N, C-alpha and C. Protein backbone atom coordinates (compact mmCIF):
# COMPACT_ATOMS: atom_id res chain seq x y z
N MET A 1 -75.15 30.69 -31.88
CA MET A 1 -74.85 29.35 -33.50
C MET A 1 -74.04 28.56 -32.75
N GLY A 2 -74.98 27.52 -33.43
CA GLY A 2 -74.50 25.73 -32.93
C GLY A 2 -73.20 25.40 -33.69
N ARG A 3 -73.38 24.22 -33.57
CA ARG A 3 -71.88 23.65 -33.80
C ARG A 3 -72.27 23.47 -35.64
N ALA A 4 -73.23 23.12 -35.80
CA ALA A 4 -73.56 22.59 -37.25
C ALA A 4 -73.31 24.31 -38.23
N ARG A 5 -73.05 25.20 -37.57
CA ARG A 5 -73.32 26.74 -38.32
C ARG A 5 -71.79 26.56 -38.40
N GLN A 6 -71.48 26.76 -37.22
CA GLN A 6 -69.87 27.06 -37.31
C GLN A 6 -68.73 25.73 -38.44
N LEU A 7 -69.29 24.72 -38.52
CA LEU A 7 -68.85 23.98 -39.63
C LEU A 7 -68.98 24.24 -40.45
N ALA A 8 -70.67 24.61 -40.95
CA ALA A 8 -70.35 25.13 -41.84
C ALA A 8 -69.62 26.16 -42.56
N ASP A 9 -69.88 27.34 -41.47
CA ASP A 9 -68.62 28.70 -42.17
C ASP A 9 -67.23 28.03 -42.08
N ARG A 10 -66.99 27.33 -41.61
CA ARG A 10 -65.81 26.66 -41.68
C ARG A 10 -65.29 26.28 -43.09
N TYR A 11 -66.16 25.06 -43.31
CA TYR A 11 -66.55 24.95 -44.75
C TYR A 11 -66.17 25.90 -45.66
N VAL A 12 -66.97 26.83 -45.96
CA VAL A 12 -67.62 27.54 -46.85
C VAL A 12 -66.18 28.43 -47.30
N ASP A 13 -64.82 28.93 -45.81
CA ASP A 13 -64.04 29.53 -45.76
C ASP A 13 -62.85 29.02 -46.49
N ARG A 14 -63.01 27.61 -46.48
CA ARG A 14 -62.10 26.87 -46.53
C ARG A 14 -62.23 26.19 -48.44
N VAL A 15 -63.62 26.33 -48.71
CA VAL A 15 -63.47 26.25 -50.33
C VAL A 15 -63.19 27.59 -50.54
N ASN A 16 -63.45 28.30 -50.42
CA ASN A 16 -62.72 29.64 -50.82
C ASN A 16 -61.78 30.43 -50.80
N ALA A 17 -60.85 29.68 -49.93
CA ALA A 17 -59.55 29.70 -49.73
C ALA A 17 -58.71 28.35 -50.83
N GLY A 18 -59.58 27.70 -51.07
CA GLY A 18 -58.50 26.76 -51.93
C GLY A 18 -57.93 25.49 -50.81
N ASP A 19 -58.29 25.55 -49.81
CA ASP A 19 -57.94 24.59 -48.88
C ASP A 19 -57.81 23.38 -48.89
N LEU A 20 -57.46 22.22 -49.61
CA LEU A 20 -58.05 20.70 -49.86
C LEU A 20 -57.49 20.27 -48.49
N ASP A 21 -56.54 20.24 -47.62
CA ASP A 21 -56.65 19.73 -46.77
C ASP A 21 -57.53 20.55 -45.87
N GLY A 22 -58.02 21.18 -45.63
CA GLY A 22 -58.60 22.20 -44.70
C GLY A 22 -59.77 21.37 -44.88
N ILE A 23 -60.32 21.22 -46.21
CA ILE A 23 -61.51 20.81 -46.44
C ILE A 23 -61.81 19.67 -46.18
N VAL A 24 -60.83 18.73 -46.13
CA VAL A 24 -60.78 17.04 -46.08
C VAL A 24 -60.67 17.33 -44.62
N ALA A 25 -59.93 17.73 -43.80
CA ALA A 25 -59.94 17.53 -42.06
C ALA A 25 -61.29 18.13 -41.61
N LEU A 26 -61.74 18.70 -42.30
CA LEU A 26 -63.37 18.61 -41.46
C LEU A 26 -64.53 17.67 -41.43
N PHE A 27 -64.18 17.06 -42.44
CA PHE A 27 -65.02 15.61 -42.59
C PHE A 27 -64.00 14.64 -41.24
N ALA A 28 -65.52 13.54 -40.77
CA ALA A 28 -64.79 12.15 -39.74
C ALA A 28 -63.79 11.62 -40.93
N ASP A 29 -63.89 10.77 -40.05
CA ASP A 29 -62.49 9.53 -40.94
C ASP A 29 -63.85 8.63 -41.28
N ASN A 30 -64.80 8.54 -41.54
CA ASN A 30 -65.35 7.81 -41.83
C ASN A 30 -67.05 8.40 -42.41
N ALA A 31 -66.67 9.22 -43.12
CA ALA A 31 -67.54 10.75 -43.55
C ALA A 31 -68.38 10.09 -44.65
N GLU A 32 -69.92 10.99 -45.25
CA GLU A 32 -70.35 10.36 -46.12
C GLU A 32 -69.92 11.21 -47.26
N LEU A 33 -70.38 11.54 -48.28
CA LEU A 33 -70.19 12.90 -49.01
C LEU A 33 -71.30 12.07 -50.36
N LEU A 34 -72.74 12.93 -50.84
CA LEU A 34 -73.07 12.82 -51.26
C LEU A 34 -73.21 13.93 -52.32
N ASN A 35 -74.06 13.87 -53.49
CA ASN A 35 -73.99 14.23 -54.49
C ASN A 35 -74.09 14.12 -56.29
N PRO A 36 -74.48 14.65 -57.00
CA PRO A 36 -74.82 13.92 -58.41
C PRO A 36 -74.02 13.09 -59.00
N PHE A 37 -72.89 13.24 -59.24
CA PHE A 37 -71.57 12.66 -59.04
C PHE A 37 -71.51 11.36 -58.27
N GLY A 38 -72.41 11.03 -57.49
CA GLY A 38 -71.54 9.88 -56.67
C GLY A 38 -71.97 10.11 -55.36
N HIS A 39 -71.56 8.59 -54.68
CA HIS A 39 -71.42 8.59 -53.09
C HIS A 39 -69.79 8.67 -52.50
N PHE A 40 -69.51 9.28 -52.15
CA PHE A 40 -67.77 9.14 -51.27
C PHE A 40 -67.95 8.75 -50.07
N ALA A 41 -67.58 7.79 -49.93
CA ALA A 41 -67.29 7.61 -48.42
C ALA A 41 -65.24 7.44 -48.01
N GLY A 42 -65.59 8.42 -46.71
CA GLY A 42 -64.04 8.01 -46.16
C GLY A 42 -63.45 9.30 -46.68
N SER A 43 -62.04 9.64 -46.04
CA SER A 43 -61.57 10.82 -46.41
C SER A 43 -60.82 10.81 -47.88
N GLU A 44 -60.22 10.27 -48.40
CA GLU A 44 -59.80 9.83 -49.47
C GLU A 44 -60.57 9.99 -50.81
N GLN A 45 -61.61 9.06 -50.46
CA GLN A 45 -62.64 9.93 -51.28
C GLN A 45 -63.40 11.15 -51.38
N ILE A 46 -63.60 11.16 -50.50
CA ILE A 46 -63.81 12.55 -50.36
C ILE A 46 -62.37 14.16 -50.96
N ARG A 47 -61.48 13.10 -50.82
CA ARG A 47 -60.43 14.18 -51.18
C ARG A 47 -60.73 14.27 -52.53
N GLY A 48 -60.54 13.09 -53.02
CA GLY A 48 -60.45 12.88 -54.99
C GLY A 48 -61.57 13.72 -55.25
N PHE A 49 -62.83 13.79 -54.54
CA PHE A 49 -64.22 14.49 -55.27
C PHE A 49 -63.47 15.89 -55.02
N TYR A 50 -63.24 16.61 -54.27
CA TYR A 50 -62.81 17.97 -53.84
C TYR A 50 -61.87 18.57 -55.03
N GLU A 51 -60.83 17.91 -55.08
CA GLU A 51 -59.62 18.31 -55.63
C GLU A 51 -59.93 17.68 -57.20
N LYS A 52 -60.74 17.15 -57.84
CA LYS A 52 -61.11 17.00 -59.14
C LYS A 52 -62.24 17.48 -59.93
N THR A 53 -63.31 18.11 -58.48
CA THR A 53 -64.61 18.99 -59.20
C THR A 53 -64.23 20.29 -58.44
N ILE A 54 -64.86 20.52 -57.45
CA ILE A 54 -64.65 21.62 -56.84
C ILE A 54 -63.65 22.65 -56.50
N LEU A 55 -62.90 22.10 -56.44
CA LEU A 55 -61.65 23.18 -56.21
C LEU A 55 -60.82 23.15 -57.96
N ALA A 56 -60.96 22.28 -58.59
CA ALA A 56 -60.50 21.99 -60.04
C ALA A 56 -61.18 23.82 -60.63
N VAL A 57 -61.75 24.08 -60.25
CA VAL A 57 -62.28 25.24 -60.89
C VAL A 57 -62.14 26.70 -60.28
N THR A 58 -61.59 26.23 -58.85
CA THR A 58 -61.53 27.42 -57.86
C THR A 58 -62.67 28.98 -57.66
N PRO A 59 -63.86 28.19 -56.94
CA PRO A 59 -65.19 29.24 -57.04
C PRO A 59 -65.00 29.94 -55.99
N ARG A 60 -65.58 30.68 -55.99
CA ARG A 60 -65.82 32.36 -54.89
C ARG A 60 -67.13 31.74 -54.71
N VAL A 61 -68.00 31.44 -53.38
CA VAL A 61 -68.80 30.79 -52.80
C VAL A 61 -69.55 31.85 -51.52
N THR A 62 -70.63 31.97 -51.66
CA THR A 62 -71.56 32.91 -50.91
C THR A 62 -72.30 31.74 -50.43
N ALA A 63 -72.73 31.86 -49.11
CA ALA A 63 -73.62 31.02 -48.15
C ALA A 63 -74.78 32.25 -47.88
N ALA A 64 -75.87 31.35 -47.70
CA ALA A 64 -77.04 32.25 -47.28
C ALA A 64 -78.22 31.10 -47.08
N GLY A 65 -79.32 31.35 -46.21
CA GLY A 65 -80.63 30.47 -46.37
C GLY A 65 -80.73 29.53 -44.96
N TRP A 66 -79.54 29.86 -43.88
CA TRP A 66 -79.37 29.16 -42.82
C TRP A 66 -80.38 27.95 -42.21
N ILE A 67 -80.76 26.91 -42.22
CA ILE A 67 -81.69 26.36 -41.61
C ILE A 67 -80.94 25.20 -40.51
N GLU A 68 -81.00 25.80 -39.59
CA GLU A 68 -80.35 25.11 -38.13
C GLU A 68 -81.09 24.03 -37.48
N GLN A 69 -81.03 22.66 -36.89
CA GLN A 69 -81.83 22.30 -36.04
C GLN A 69 -80.64 21.26 -35.07
N ASP A 70 -80.54 21.00 -34.47
CA ASP A 70 -79.72 20.10 -33.59
C ASP A 70 -78.32 20.12 -34.41
N ASN A 71 -78.28 19.00 -34.69
CA ASN A 71 -76.32 18.66 -35.22
C ASN A 71 -76.87 18.49 -36.95
N ARG A 72 -77.80 19.49 -37.18
CA ARG A 72 -77.95 19.28 -39.07
C ARG A 72 -78.24 20.99 -38.90
N ILE A 73 -77.70 21.41 -40.42
CA ILE A 73 -78.11 22.74 -40.90
C ILE A 73 -77.71 22.07 -42.64
N ALA A 74 -78.91 23.17 -42.92
CA ALA A 74 -78.96 23.20 -44.64
C ALA A 74 -78.58 24.82 -44.95
N PHE A 75 -77.89 25.05 -45.91
CA PHE A 75 -77.79 26.25 -46.61
C PHE A 75 -77.60 26.07 -47.74
N GLU A 76 -77.48 27.25 -48.78
CA GLU A 76 -77.69 27.78 -49.83
C GLU A 76 -76.22 28.43 -50.44
N LEU A 77 -75.69 27.79 -51.64
CA LEU A 77 -74.64 28.32 -52.02
C LEU A 77 -74.71 28.79 -53.61
N GLN A 78 -73.91 29.95 -53.46
CA GLN A 78 -73.62 30.69 -54.88
C GLN A 78 -72.28 30.32 -55.18
N ALA A 79 -71.95 29.67 -56.53
CA ALA A 79 -70.90 29.89 -56.45
C ALA A 79 -70.33 30.62 -57.95
N ARG A 80 -69.23 31.49 -57.97
CA ARG A 80 -69.03 31.98 -59.04
C ARG A 80 -67.72 31.48 -59.45
N VAL A 81 -66.96 31.40 -60.50
CA VAL A 81 -66.03 30.87 -61.13
C VAL A 81 -65.59 31.98 -62.22
N ASP A 82 -64.05 32.45 -62.10
CA ASP A 82 -63.66 33.43 -63.01
C ASP A 82 -63.51 33.13 -64.54
N GLY A 83 -63.94 34.17 -65.34
CA GLY A 83 -64.14 33.66 -66.56
C GLY A 83 -65.22 33.21 -67.50
N TYR A 84 -66.21 32.64 -66.67
CA TYR A 84 -67.20 32.32 -66.84
C TYR A 84 -68.74 33.21 -66.06
N ASP A 85 -69.86 33.27 -66.97
CA ASP A 85 -70.77 34.34 -66.82
C ASP A 85 -71.93 33.30 -65.89
N ALA A 86 -71.69 32.14 -65.90
CA ALA A 86 -72.45 30.92 -65.23
C ALA A 86 -72.55 31.00 -63.69
N VAL A 87 -73.54 31.45 -63.25
CA VAL A 87 -73.55 31.10 -61.50
C VAL A 87 -74.02 29.96 -61.29
N ARG A 88 -73.49 28.84 -60.08
CA ARG A 88 -74.01 27.45 -59.68
C ARG A 88 -74.40 27.91 -58.68
N TYR A 89 -75.47 27.23 -58.49
CA TYR A 89 -76.10 27.13 -57.17
C TYR A 89 -76.59 25.76 -56.60
N ALA A 90 -76.20 25.49 -54.98
CA ALA A 90 -76.17 24.74 -54.75
C ALA A 90 -76.82 24.36 -53.25
N MET A 91 -77.17 23.62 -52.87
CA MET A 91 -78.29 23.42 -51.35
C MET A 91 -77.55 22.06 -50.85
N ASP A 92 -76.77 22.69 -49.73
CA ASP A 92 -76.30 21.87 -48.89
C ASP A 92 -76.71 21.43 -47.49
N HIS A 93 -76.39 19.92 -47.24
CA HIS A 93 -77.16 19.84 -46.08
C HIS A 93 -75.89 19.05 -45.20
N LEU A 94 -75.61 19.37 -44.07
CA LEU A 94 -74.78 19.15 -43.07
C LEU A 94 -75.22 18.15 -41.96
N THR A 95 -74.71 17.26 -41.49
CA THR A 95 -74.94 16.71 -39.86
C THR A 95 -73.03 16.05 -39.68
N VAL A 96 -73.22 17.32 -38.18
CA VAL A 96 -72.18 16.91 -37.41
C VAL A 96 -71.91 15.75 -37.14
N ALA A 97 -70.74 15.17 -36.65
CA ALA A 97 -70.34 13.71 -36.31
C ALA A 97 -70.90 13.64 -34.67
N ALA A 98 -70.63 12.53 -34.12
CA ALA A 98 -70.79 12.73 -32.95
C ALA A 98 -70.16 13.13 -31.81
N ASP A 99 -68.71 12.99 -32.69
CA ASP A 99 -67.56 13.96 -31.68
C ASP A 99 -67.87 15.30 -31.42
N GLY A 100 -68.88 16.27 -32.35
CA GLY A 100 -69.51 17.42 -32.59
C GLY A 100 -68.09 18.19 -33.08
N ASP A 101 -67.31 17.89 -33.73
CA ASP A 101 -66.09 18.77 -34.51
C ASP A 101 -65.92 18.30 -35.70
N HIS A 102 -66.79 17.28 -36.21
CA HIS A 102 -66.48 16.76 -37.76
C HIS A 102 -67.68 16.94 -38.21
N ILE A 103 -67.71 16.91 -39.84
CA ILE A 103 -69.06 16.46 -40.35
C ILE A 103 -69.08 15.10 -41.06
N ALA A 104 -70.10 14.87 -40.33
CA ALA A 104 -70.10 13.01 -40.45
C ALA A 104 -71.53 12.62 -41.84
N ARG A 105 -71.59 13.45 -42.61
CA ARG A 105 -72.51 13.58 -43.43
C ARG A 105 -72.78 14.63 -44.55
N MET A 106 -72.58 14.70 -45.60
CA MET A 106 -72.97 16.06 -45.76
C MET A 106 -73.88 15.42 -47.73
N ALA A 107 -74.90 16.03 -47.95
CA ALA A 107 -75.83 15.95 -49.11
C ALA A 107 -75.34 17.25 -49.74
N LEU A 108 -74.65 17.19 -51.43
CA LEU A 108 -74.72 18.95 -52.06
C LEU A 108 -75.78 18.28 -53.34
N TYR A 109 -76.63 19.34 -53.26
CA TYR A 109 -77.81 19.46 -54.67
C TYR A 109 -77.32 20.86 -55.70
N TYR A 110 -76.98 20.44 -56.57
CA TYR A 110 -76.97 21.40 -57.66
C TYR A 110 -78.04 21.86 -58.62
N ARG A 111 -78.34 23.27 -59.20
CA ARG A 111 -78.93 23.77 -59.67
C ARG A 111 -78.06 24.95 -60.69
N HIS A 112 -78.05 24.45 -62.02
CA HIS A 112 -76.90 26.22 -62.98
C HIS A 112 -77.82 26.59 -63.82
N VAL A 113 -77.71 27.63 -63.68
CA VAL A 113 -78.57 28.66 -64.04
C VAL A 113 -77.58 29.75 -64.88
N SER A 114 -77.76 30.20 -65.92
CA SER A 114 -77.08 31.08 -66.70
C SER A 114 -77.68 32.61 -66.54
N GLN A 115 -76.70 33.59 -66.63
CA GLN A 115 -76.99 35.18 -66.61
C GLN A 115 -76.42 35.88 -68.03
């Protein structure tokens, strides 16, 4: 298992734990996060994004479909939220920072499907 997969696994674990500080710590200080809500750069903007969106609904996330190459990985996420029948799907693309220990860039793409 490469470094990108290790970071992606830690990311999923921290989202499921609702660990805002832990999620932010995975990102490099100058990291970028891109998603349909906008472009977020740096630790404080990334913190605000997770606090106001993802962690505000305390999802239970499962990941599958890993495609890893060098310092990049793409993976599918399925999120369920208590009290809602809707399942949310995402495709995440993560790039490892030059230090090998942090996320330099993460792009999130969403698809909504009701059951």
